[in-house]
Structures are given as structure tokens and as C-alpha cells.
Amino acid sequence: MHVHKFSGVTSYDVGHRHQYVGVTEPAPSGVPHTHRYFTFTSFDDGHRHEIRGVTGPAIPLPGGGHYHEFSGVTTTSGRIPHSHRYSGKTSG
């Protein structure tokens, strides 16, 4: 079993953006797999959003190991209700 770190910055919407950082849920090593992930964004402009989803499949790295790509849309929040887009790659 193993996990990956992930982090990034959301899209800029309604005059602001959010940062996020987290660790995926564990998944088996040595077999094709994905990871579920969940975290909250930073608290900006008086609110925060949830980020959750499932990564894409493992992408091999030249020196060994692998990473995963992820993307999605946050939950809706804020005094002007809105969401943000996000995407990135996990740690290897």
C-alpha cells in the first residue's frame, strides 16, 4: 500500500483563488490502481471549499515509481455561491 501527496491552486473566480494540499487514500502497490482524495481548500474571502475525487491511473516515471493526474470542480460555497476548477499531478 502507498499514498501520494498533492497540492495546487484553484482557478480564479469571483475575485479570488484558493490553495489546497492533501494526501491521497492508500492504494495497492505494484498493480494498476487509482487513489481517492479529499481535502479542504484554504480559507479565503470568508469561506472554503471541499475537493474530492479519484485520480487517473498510475503514470510510470523514468527512474521508477509513478504519479497520478487529477482534476475536478470544488463544492459550491461563498457569500456569492460559486465553485473553482482545479487540476494537477500527485507526488511520485
PDB file of N, CA and C in Angstrom:
ATOM      1  N   MET A   1       0.847  -1.186   0.000  1.00  0.00           N
ATOM      2  CA  MET A   1       0.000   0.000   0.000  1.00  0.00           C
ATOM      3  C   MET A   1       0.892   1.250   0.000  1.00  0.00           C
ATOM      4  N   HIS A   2       0.373   2.307  -0.590  1.00  0.00           N
ATOM      5  CA  HIS A   2       1.119   3.558  -0.630  1.00  0.00           C
ATOM      6  C   HIS A   2       0.148   4.722  -0.818  1.00  0.00           C
ATOM      7  N   VAL A   3       0.635   5.937  -0.585  1.00  0.00           N
ATOM      8  CA  VAL A   3      -0.139   7.171  -0.769  1.00  0.00           C
ATOM      9  C   VAL A   3       0.704   8.164  -1.565  1.00  0.00           C
ATOM     10  N   HIS A   4       0.087   9.243  -2.001  1.00  0.00           N
ATOM     11  CA  HIS A   4       0.776  10.334  -2.687  1.00  0.00           C
ATOM     12  C   HIS A   4       0.338  11.663  -2.084  1.00  0.00           C
ATOM     13  N   LYS A   5       1.239  12.619  -2.069  1.00  0.00           N
ATOM     14  CA  LYS A   5       0.893  13.989  -1.695  1.00  0.00           C
ATOM     15  C   LYS A   5       0.365  14.703  -2.938  1.00  0.00           C
ATOM     16  N   PHE A   6      -0.506  15.679  -2.720  1.00  0.00           N
ATOM     17  CA  PHE A   6      -0.964  16.518  -3.824  1.00  0.00           C
ATOM     18  C   PHE A   6      -1.203  17.933  -3.306  1.00  0.00           C
ATOM     19  N   SER A   7      -1.051  18.911  -4.179  1.00  0.00           N
ATOM     20  CA  SER A   7      -1.268  20.306  -3.800  1.00  0.00           C
ATOM     21  C   SER A   7      -1.458  21.133  -5.062  1.00  0.00           C
ATOM     22  N   GLY A   8      -1.963  22.343  -4.874  1.00  0.00           N
ATOM     23  CA  GLY A   8      -2.144  23.217  -6.018  1.00  0.00           C
ATOM     24  C   GLY A   8      -2.923  24.461  -5.662  1.00  0.00           C
ATOM     25  N   VAL A   9      -3.335  25.165  -6.696  1.00  0.00           N
ATOM     26  CA  VAL A   9      -4.099  26.404  -6.578  1.00  0.00           C
ATOM     27  C   VAL A   9      -5.300  26.286  -7.509  1.00  0.00           C
ATOM     28  N   THR A  10      -6.460  26.696  -7.028  1.00  0.00           N
ATOM     29  CA  THR A  10      -7.673  26.622  -7.840  1.00  0.00           C
ATOM     30  C   THR A  10      -7.695  27.712  -8.910  1.00  0.00           C
ATOM     31  N   SER A  11      -8.691  27.630  -9.755  1.00  0.00           N
ATOM     32  CA  SER A  11      -8.951  28.695 -10.727  1.00  0.00           C
ATOM     33  C   SER A  11      -9.333  29.984  -9.996  1.00  0.00           C
ATOM     34  N   TYR A  12      -9.216  31.097 -10.697  1.00  0.00           N
ATOM     35  CA  TYR A  12      -9.556  32.418 -10.157  1.00  0.00           C
ATOM     36  C   TYR A  12     -11.004  32.711 -10.527  1.00  0.00           C
ATOM     37  N   ASP A  13     -11.867  32.769  -9.526  1.00  0.00           N
ATOM     38  CA  ASP A  13     -13.292  33.017  -9.747  1.00  0.00           C
ATOM     39  C   ASP A  13     -13.810  33.956  -8.671  1.00  0.00           C
ATOM     40  N   VAL A  14     -14.728  34.824  -9.002  1.00  0.00           N
ATOM     41  CA  VAL A  14     -15.359  35.768  -8.070  1.00  0.00           C
ATOM     42  C   VAL A  14     -14.284  36.532  -7.287  1.00  0.00           C
ATOM     43  N   GLY A  15     -13.201  36.918  -7.979  1.00  0.00           N
ATOM     44  CA  GLY A  15     -12.185  37.773  -7.383  1.00  0.00           C
ATOM     45  C   GLY A  15     -11.167  37.115  -6.477  1.00  0.00           C
ATOM     46  N   HIS A  16     -11.074  35.796  -6.468  1.00  0.00           N
ATOM     47  CA  HIS A  16     -10.090  35.139  -5.601  1.00  0.00           C
ATOM     48  C   HIS A  16      -9.813  33.710  -6.083  1.00  0.00           C
ATOM     49  N   ARG A  17      -8.817  33.110  -5.472  1.00  0.00           N
ATOM     50  CA  ARG A  17      -8.487  31.700  -5.694  1.00  0.00           C
ATOM     51  C   ARG A  17      -8.157  31.085  -4.343  1.00  0.00           C
ATOM     52  N   HIS A  18      -8.028  29.771  -4.279  1.00  0.00           N
ATOM     53  CA  HIS A  18      -7.697  29.058  -3.043  1.00  0.00           C
ATOM     54  C   HIS A  18      -6.515  28.130  -3.285  1.00  0.00           C
ATOM     55  N   GLN A  19      -5.760  27.869  -2.233  1.00  0.00           N
ATOM     56  CA  GLN A  19      -4.710  26.849  -2.264  1.00  0.00           C
ATOM     57  C   GLN A  19      -5.259  25.586  -1.620  1.00  0.00           C
ATOM     58  N   TYR A  20      -4.641  24.454  -1.937  1.00  0.00           N
ATOM     59  CA  TYR A  20      -5.029  23.198  -1.302  1.00  0.00           C
ATOM     60  C   TYR A  20      -3.823  22.274  -1.204  1.00  0.00           C
ATOM     61  N   VAL A  21      -3.856  21.401  -0.224  1.00  0.00           N
ATOM     62  CA  VAL A  21      -2.802  20.407  -0.016  1.00  0.00           C
ATOM     63  C   VAL A  21      -3.440  19.200   0.657  1.00  0.00           C
ATOM     64  N   GLY A  22      -2.975  18.008   0.319  1.00  0.00           N
ATOM     65  CA  GLY A  22      -3.537  16.807   0.920  1.00  0.00           C
ATOM     66  C   GLY A  22      -2.711  15.578   0.617  1.00  0.00           C
ATOM     67  N   VAL A  23      -3.203  14.444   1.094  1.00  0.00           N
ATOM     68  CA  VAL A  23      -2.594  13.135   0.865  1.00  0.00           C
ATOM     69  C   VAL A  23      -3.708  12.207   0.388  1.00  0.00           C
ATOM     70  N   THR A  24      -3.443  11.425  -0.647  1.00  0.00           N
ATOM     71  CA  THR A  24      -4.450  10.502  -1.163  1.00  0.00           C
ATOM     72  C   THR A  24      -4.732   9.393  -0.156  1.00  0.00           C
ATOM     73  N   GLU A  25      -5.826   8.671  -0.384  1.00  0.00           N
ATOM     74  CA  GLU A  25      -6.076   7.461   0.392  1.00  0.00           C
ATOM     75  C   GLU A  25      -5.120   6.376  -0.099  1.00  0.00           C
ATOM     76  N   PRO A  26      -4.805   5.386   0.743  1.00  0.00           N
ATOM     77  CA  PRO A  26      -3.895   4.315   0.332  1.00  0.00           C
ATOM     78  C   PRO A  26      -4.465   3.484  -0.824  1.00  0.00           C
ATOM     79  N   ALA A  27      -3.564   2.952  -1.650  1.00  0.00           N
ATOM     80  CA  ALA A  27      -3.921   2.029  -2.730  1.00  0.00           C
ATOM     81  C   ALA A  27      -2.815   0.982  -2.838  1.00  0.00           C
ATOM     82  N   PRO A  28      -3.116  -0.180  -3.407  1.00  0.00           N
ATOM     83  CA  PRO A  28      -2.117  -1.253  -3.514  1.00  0.00           C
ATOM     84  C   PRO A  28      -0.929  -0.853  -4.377  1.00  0.00           C
ATOM     85  N   SER A  29       0.240  -1.340  -4.037  1.00  0.00           N
ATOM     86  CA  SER A  29       1.453  -1.109  -4.827  1.00  0.00           C
ATOM     87  C   SER A  29       1.634  -2.246  -5.825  1.00  0.00           C
ATOM     88  N   GLY A  30       2.263  -1.955  -6.962  1.00  0.00           N
ATOM     89  CA  GLY A  30       2.646  -2.985  -7.918  1.00  0.00           C
ATOM     90  C   GLY A  30       1.541  -3.504  -8.813  1.00  0.00           C
ATOM     91  N   VAL A  31       0.359  -2.902  -8.768  1.00  0.00           N
ATOM     92  CA  VAL A  31      -0.751  -3.308  -9.633  1.00  0.00           C
ATOM     93  C   VAL A  31      -1.416  -2.044 -10.188  1.00  0.00           C
ATOM     94  N   PRO A  32      -2.131  -2.145 -11.311  1.00  0.00           N
ATOM     95  CA  PRO A  32      -2.854  -0.964 -11.808  1.00  0.00           C
ATOM     96  C   PRO A  32      -3.836  -0.461 -10.740  1.00  0.00           C
ATOM     97  N   HIS A  33      -3.872   0.851 -10.522  1.00  0.00           N
ATOM     98  CA  HIS A  33      -4.699   1.386  -9.440  1.00  0.00           C
ATOM     99  C   HIS A  33      -4.958   2.875  -9.622  1.00  0.00           C
ATOM    100  N   THR A  34      -5.914   3.381  -8.864  1.00  0.00           N
ATOM    101  CA  THR A  34      -6.185   4.805  -8.712  1.00  0.00           C
ATOM    102  C   THR A  34      -6.246   5.085  -7.214  1.00  0.00           C
ATOM    103  N   HIS A  35      -6.360   6.349  -6.849  1.00  0.00           N
ATOM    104  CA  HIS A  35      -6.490   6.740  -5.436  1.00  0.00           C
ATOM    105  C   HIS A  35      -7.688   7.667  -5.284  1.00  0.00           C
ATOM    106  N   ARG A  36      -8.418   7.536  -4.204  1.00  0.00           N
ATOM    107  CA  ARG A  36      -9.401   8.547  -3.834  1.00  0.00           C
ATOM    108  C   ARG A  36      -8.663   9.656  -3.095  1.00  0.00           C
ATOM    109  N   TYR A  37      -9.166  10.885  -3.213  1.00  0.00           N
ATOM    110  CA  TYR A  37      -8.551  12.005  -2.491  1.00  0.00           C
ATOM    111  C   TYR A  37      -9.642  12.927  -1.957  1.00  0.00           C
ATOM    112  N   PHE A  38      -9.311  13.630  -0.884  1.00  0.00           N
ATOM    113  CA  PHE A  38     -10.235  14.565  -0.251  1.00  0.00           C
ATOM    114  C   PHE A  38      -9.424  15.571   0.553  1.00  0.00           C
ATOM    115  N   THR A  39      -9.775  16.838   0.455  1.00  0.00           N
ATOM    116  CA  THR A  39      -9.184  17.872   1.299  1.00  0.00           C
ATOM    117  C   THR A  39     -10.077  19.111   1.240  1.00  0.00           C
ATOM    118  N   PHE A  40      -9.763  20.083   2.056  1.00  0.00           N
ATOM    119  CA  PHE A  40     -10.418  21.386   2.009  1.00  0.00           C
ATOM    120  C   PHE A  40      -9.444  22.395   1.429  1.00  0.00           C
ATOM    121  N   THR A  41      -9.971  23.400   0.749  1.00  0.00           N
ATOM    122  CA  THR A  41      -9.130  24.497   0.282  1.00  0.00           C
ATOM    123  C   THR A  41      -8.762  25.391   1.459  1.00  0.00           C
ATOM    124  N   SER A  42      -7.856  26.321   1.207  1.00  0.00           N
ATOM    125  CA  SER A  42      -7.555  27.378   2.176  1.00  0.00           C
ATOM    126  C   SER A  42      -8.808  28.228   2.390  1.00  0.00           C
ATOM    127  N   PHE A  43      -8.849  28.918   3.533  1.00  0.00           N
ATOM    128  CA  PHE A  43      -9.969  29.798   3.885  1.00  0.00           C
ATOM    129  C   PHE A  43      -9.658  31.185   3.335  1.00  0.00           C
ATOM    130  N   ASP A  44     -10.329  31.558   2.273  1.00  0.00           N
ATOM    131  CA  ASP A  44     -10.102  32.852   1.622  1.00  0.00           C
ATOM    132  C   ASP A  44     -11.441  33.501   1.324  1.00  0.00           C
ATOM    133  N   ASP A  45     -11.497  34.810   1.396  1.00  0.00           N
ATOM    134  CA  ASP A  45     -12.713  35.561   1.104  1.00  0.00           C
ATOM    135  C   ASP A  45     -13.887  35.064   1.962  1.00  0.00           C
ATOM    136  N   GLY A  46     -13.583  34.626   3.200  1.00  0.00           N
ATOM    137  CA  GLY A  46     -14.611  34.241   4.156  1.00  0.00           C
ATOM    138  C   GLY A  46     -15.197  32.853   4.001  1.00  0.00           C
ATOM    139  N   HIS A  47     -14.555  31.975   3.222  1.00  0.00           N
ATOM    140  CA  HIS A  47     -15.100  30.627   3.034  1.00  0.00           C
ATOM    141  C   HIS A  47     -14.022  29.668   2.544  1.00  0.00           C
ATOM    142  N   ARG A  48     -14.389  28.395   2.481  1.00  0.00           N
ATOM    143  CA  ARG A  48     -13.531  27.364   1.902  1.00  0.00           C
ATOM    144  C   ARG A  48     -14.408  26.405   1.102  1.00  0.00           C
ATOM    145  N   HIS A  49     -13.773  25.525   0.343  1.00  0.00           N
ATOM    146  CA  HIS A  49     -14.465  24.542  -0.493  1.00  0.00           C
ATOM    147  C   HIS A  49     -13.898  23.152  -0.210  1.00  0.00           C
ATOM    148  N   GLU A  50     -14.676  22.122  -0.525  1.00  0.00           N
ATOM    149  CA  GLU A  50     -14.182  20.742  -0.490  1.00  0.00           C
ATOM    150  C   GLU A  50     -13.667  20.374  -1.870  1.00  0.00           C
ATOM    151  N   ILE A  51     -12.600  19.579  -1.858  1.00  0.00           N
ATOM    152  CA  ILE A  51     -12.063  18.977  -3.075  1.00  0.00           C
ATOM    153  C   ILE A  51     -12.084  17.476  -2.843  1.00  0.00           C
ATOM    154  N   ARG A  52     -12.681  16.728  -3.758  1.00  0.00           N
ATOM    155  CA  ARG A  52     -12.677  15.270  -3.630  1.00  0.00           C
ATOM    156  C   ARG A  52     -12.824  14.633  -4.999  1.00  0.00           C
ATOM    157  N   GLY A  53     -12.281  13.435  -5.132  1.00  0.00           N
ATOM    158  CA  GLY A  53     -12.385  12.740  -6.404  1.00  0.00           C
ATOM    159  C   GLY A  53     -11.533  11.492  -6.413  1.00  0.00           C
ATOM    160  N   VAL A  54     -11.282  10.999  -7.618  1.00  0.00           N
ATOM    161  CA  VAL A  54     -10.455   9.814  -7.843  1.00  0.00           C
ATOM    162  C   VAL A  54      -9.411  10.187  -8.885  1.00  0.00           C
ATOM    163  N   THR A  55      -8.158   9.854  -8.617  1.00  0.00           N
ATOM    164  CA  THR A  55      -7.088  10.155  -9.569  1.00  0.00           C
ATOM    165  C   THR A  55      -7.246   9.316 -10.828  1.00  0.00           C
ATOM    166  N   GLY A  56      -6.500   9.685 -11.836  1.00  0.00           N
ATOM    167  CA  GLY A  56      -6.361   8.833 -13.002  1.00  0.00           C
ATOM    168  C   GLY A  56      -5.435   7.667 -12.675  1.00  0.00           C
ATOM    169  N   PRO A  57      -5.193   6.783 -13.642  1.00  0.00           N
ATOM    170  CA  PRO A  57      -4.312   5.633 -13.409  1.00  0.00           C
ATOM    171  C   PRO A  57      -2.855   6.054 -13.197  1.00  0.00           C
ATOM    172  N   ALA A  58      -2.066   5.133 -12.686  1.00  0.00           N
ATOM    173  CA  ALA A  58      -0.643   5.380 -12.442  1.00  0.00           C
ATOM    174  C   ALA A  58       0.082   5.650 -13.760  1.00  0.00           C
ATOM    175  N   ILE A  59       0.952   6.664 -13.759  1.00  0.00           N
ATOM    176  CA  ILE A  59       1.786   7.005 -14.914  1.00  0.00           C
ATOM    177  C   ILE A  59       3.233   6.780 -14.492  1.00  0.00           C
ATOM    178  N   PRO A  60       3.932   5.822 -15.141  1.00  0.00           N
ATOM    179  CA  PRO A  60       5.300   5.488 -14.723  1.00  0.00           C
ATOM    180  C   PRO A  60       6.266   6.662 -14.881  1.00  0.00           C
ATOM    181  N   LEU A  61       7.223   6.747 -13.961  1.00  0.00           N
ATOM    182  CA  LEU A  61       8.306   7.725 -14.035  1.00  0.00           C
ATOM    183  C   LEU A  61       9.553   7.033 -14.586  1.00  0.00           C
ATOM    184  N   PRO A  62      10.393   7.742 -15.357  1.00  0.00           N
ATOM    185  CA  PRO A  62      11.576   7.130 -15.979  1.00  0.00           C
ATOM    186  C   PRO A  62      12.503   6.431 -14.986  1.00  0.00           C
ATOM    187  N   GLY A  63      12.696   6.998 -13.808  1.00  0.00           N
ATOM    188  CA  GLY A  63      13.603   6.409 -12.826  1.00  0.00           C
ATOM    189  C   GLY A  63      12.941   5.433 -11.870  1.00  0.00           C
ATOM    190  N   GLY A  64      11.712   5.046 -12.154  1.00  0.00           N
ATOM    191  CA  GLY A  64      10.949   4.182 -11.260  1.00  0.00           C
ATOM    192  C   GLY A  64       9.883   4.976 -10.532  1.00  0.00           C
ATOM    193  N   GLY A  65       8.955   4.290  -9.960  1.00  0.00           N
ATOM    194  CA  GLY A  65       7.841   4.942  -9.285  1.00  0.00           C
ATOM    195  C   GLY A  65       6.804   5.416 -10.289  1.00  0.00           C
ATOM    196  N   HIS A  66       5.863   6.208  -9.832  1.00  0.00           N
ATOM    197  CA  HIS A  66       4.782   6.680 -10.684  1.00  0.00           C
ATOM    198  C   HIS A  66       4.099   7.878 -10.040  1.00  0.00           C
ATOM    199  N   TYR A  67       3.254   8.537 -10.811  1.00  0.00           N
ATOM    200  CA  TYR A  67       2.421   9.626 -10.301  1.00  0.00           C
ATOM    201  C   TYR A  67       1.025   9.465 -10.890  1.00  0.00           C
ATOM    202  N   HIS A  68       0.099  10.306 -10.462  1.00  0.00           N
ATOM    203  CA  HIS A  68      -1.275  10.297 -10.963  1.00  0.00           C
ATOM    204  C   HIS A  68      -1.696  11.718 -11.292  1.00  0.00           C
ATOM    205  N   GLU A  69      -2.528  11.880 -12.302  1.00  0.00           N
ATOM    206  CA  GLU A  69      -3.134  13.172 -12.601  1.00  0.00           C
ATOM    207  C   GLU A  69      -4.506  13.231 -11.947  1.00  0.00           C
ATOM    208  N   PHE A  70      -4.949  14.437 -11.612  1.00  0.00           N
ATOM    209  CA  PHE A  70      -6.272  14.615 -11.016  1.00  0.00           C
ATOM    210  C   PHE A  70      -6.850  15.947 -11.468  1.00  0.00           C
ATOM    211  N   SER A  71      -8.154  16.053 -11.483  1.00  0.00           N
ATOM    212  CA  SER A  71      -8.820  17.311 -11.828  1.00  0.00           C
ATOM    213  C   SER A  71     -10.273  17.234 -11.393  1.00  0.00           C
ATOM    214  N   GLY A  72     -10.888  18.395 -11.268  1.00  0.00           N
ATOM    215  CA  GLY A  72     -12.287  18.426 -10.887  1.00  0.00           C
ATOM    216  C   GLY A  72     -12.758  19.827 -10.598  1.00  0.00           C
ATOM    217  N   VAL A  73     -13.893  19.894  -9.923  1.00  0.00           N
ATOM    218  CA  VAL A  73     -14.525  21.152  -9.537  1.00  0.00           C
ATOM    219  C   VAL A  73     -14.832  21.071  -8.053  1.00  0.00           C
ATOM    220  N   THR A  74     -14.543  22.127  -7.327  1.00  0.00           N
ATOM    221  CA  THR A  74     -14.805  22.158  -5.882  1.00  0.00           C
ATOM    222  C   THR A  74     -16.307  22.173  -5.605  1.00  0.00           C
ATOM    223  N   THR A  75     -16.664  21.987  -4.344  1.00  0.00           N
ATOM    224  CA  THR A  75     -18.041  22.214  -3.925  1.00  0.00           C
ATOM    225  C   THR A  75     -18.360  23.699  -4.057  1.00  0.00           C
ATOM    226  N   THR A  76     -19.625  24.030  -4.032  1.00  0.00           N
ATOM    227  CA  THR A  76     -20.086  25.417  -4.108  1.00  0.00           C
ATOM    228  C   THR A  76     -20.110  26.026  -2.715  1.00  0.00           C
ATOM    229  N   SER A  77     -19.600  27.245  -2.582  1.00  0.00           N
ATOM    230  CA  SER A  77     -19.551  27.931  -1.291  1.00  0.00           C
ATOM    231  C   SER A  77     -19.393  29.425  -1.538  1.00  0.00           C
ATOM    232  N   GLY A  78     -19.412  30.224  -0.462  1.00  0.00           N
ATOM    233  CA  GLY A  78     -19.161  31.658  -0.544  1.00  0.00           C
ATOM    234  C   GLY A  78     -20.427  32.487  -0.455  1.00  0.00           C
ATOM    235  N   ARG A  79     -20.258  33.776  -0.091  1.00  0.00           N
ATOM    236  CA  ARG A  79     -21.426  34.660   0.018  1.00  0.00           C
ATOM    237  C   ARG A  79     -22.047  34.883  -1.352  1.00  0.00           C
ATOM    238  N   ILE A  80     -21.235  34.866  -2.405  1.00  0.00           N
ATOM    239  CA  ILE A  80     -21.732  34.736  -3.783  1.00  0.00           C
ATOM    240  C   ILE A  80     -21.439  33.281  -4.152  1.00  0.00           C
ATOM    241  N   PRO A  81     -22.431  32.410  -4.125  1.00  0.00           N
ATOM    242  CA  PRO A  81     -22.164  30.976  -4.324  1.00  0.00           C
ATOM    243  C   PRO A  81     -21.422  30.708  -5.639  1.00  0.00           C
ATOM    244  N   HIS A  82     -20.338  29.955  -5.538  1.00  0.00           N
ATOM    245  CA  HIS A  82     -19.501  29.661  -6.694  1.00  0.00           C
ATOM    246  C   HIS A  82     -18.657  28.426  -6.409  1.00  0.00           C
ATOM    247  N   SER A  83     -18.016  27.912  -7.440  1.00  0.00           N
ATOM    248  CA  SER A  83     -17.058  26.817  -7.309  1.00  0.00           C
ATOM    249  C   SER A  83     -15.798  27.202  -8.078  1.00  0.00           C
ATOM    250  N   HIS A  84     -14.765  26.377  -7.953  1.00  0.00           N
ATOM    251  CA  HIS A  84     -13.496  26.598  -8.644  1.00  0.00           C
ATOM    252  C   HIS A  84     -13.069  25.308  -9.333  1.00  0.00           C
ATOM    253  N   ARG A  85     -12.359  25.434 -10.432  1.00  0.00           N
ATOM    254  CA  ARG A  85     -11.743  24.285 -11.089  1.00  0.00           C
ATOM    255  C   ARG A  85     -10.352  24.062 -10.499  1.00  0.00           C
ATOM    256  N   TYR A  86      -9.893  22.822 -10.537  1.00  0.00           N
ATOM    257  CA  TYR A  86      -8.539  22.504 -10.081  1.00  0.00           C
ATOM    258  C   TYR A  86      -8.007  21.332 -10.895  1.00  0.00           C
ATOM    259  N   SER A  87      -6.695  21.210 -10.974  1.00  0.00           N
ATOM    260  CA  SER A  87      -6.064  20.068 -11.639  1.00  0.00           C
ATOM    261  C   SER A  87      -4.605  20.022 -11.230  1.00  0.00           C
ATOM    262  N   GLY A  88      -4.002  18.854 -11.371  1.00  0.00           N
ATOM    263  CA  GLY A  88      -2.595  18.725 -11.036  1.00  0.00           C
ATOM    264  C   GLY A  88      -2.104  17.302 -11.142  1.00  0.00           C
ATOM    265  N   LYS A  89      -0.906  17.096 -10.624  1.00  0.00           N
ATOM    266  CA  LYS A  89      -0.250  15.789 -10.590  1.00  0.00           C
ATOM    267  C   LYS A  89       0.169  15.512  -9.162  1.00  0.00           C
ATOM    268  N   THR A  90       0.041  14.264  -8.730  1.00  0.00           N
ATOM    269  CA  THR A  90       0.483  13.891  -7.390  1.00  0.00           C
ATOM    270  C   THR A  90       2.003  13.810  -7.351  1.00  0.00           C
ATOM    271  N   SER A  91       2.530  13.671  -6.149  1.00  0.00           N
ATOM    272  CA  SER A  91       3.954  13.382  -5.994  1.00  0.00           C
ATOM    273  C   SER A  91       4.224  11.996  -6.566  1.00  0.00           C
ATOM    274  N   GLY A  92       5.488  11.715  -6.886  1.00  0.00           N
ATOM    275  CA  GLY A  92       5.864  10.415  -7.427  1.00  0.00           C
ATOM    276  C   GLY A  92       6.101   9.390  -6.360  1.00  0.00           C
TER     277      GLY A  92
END
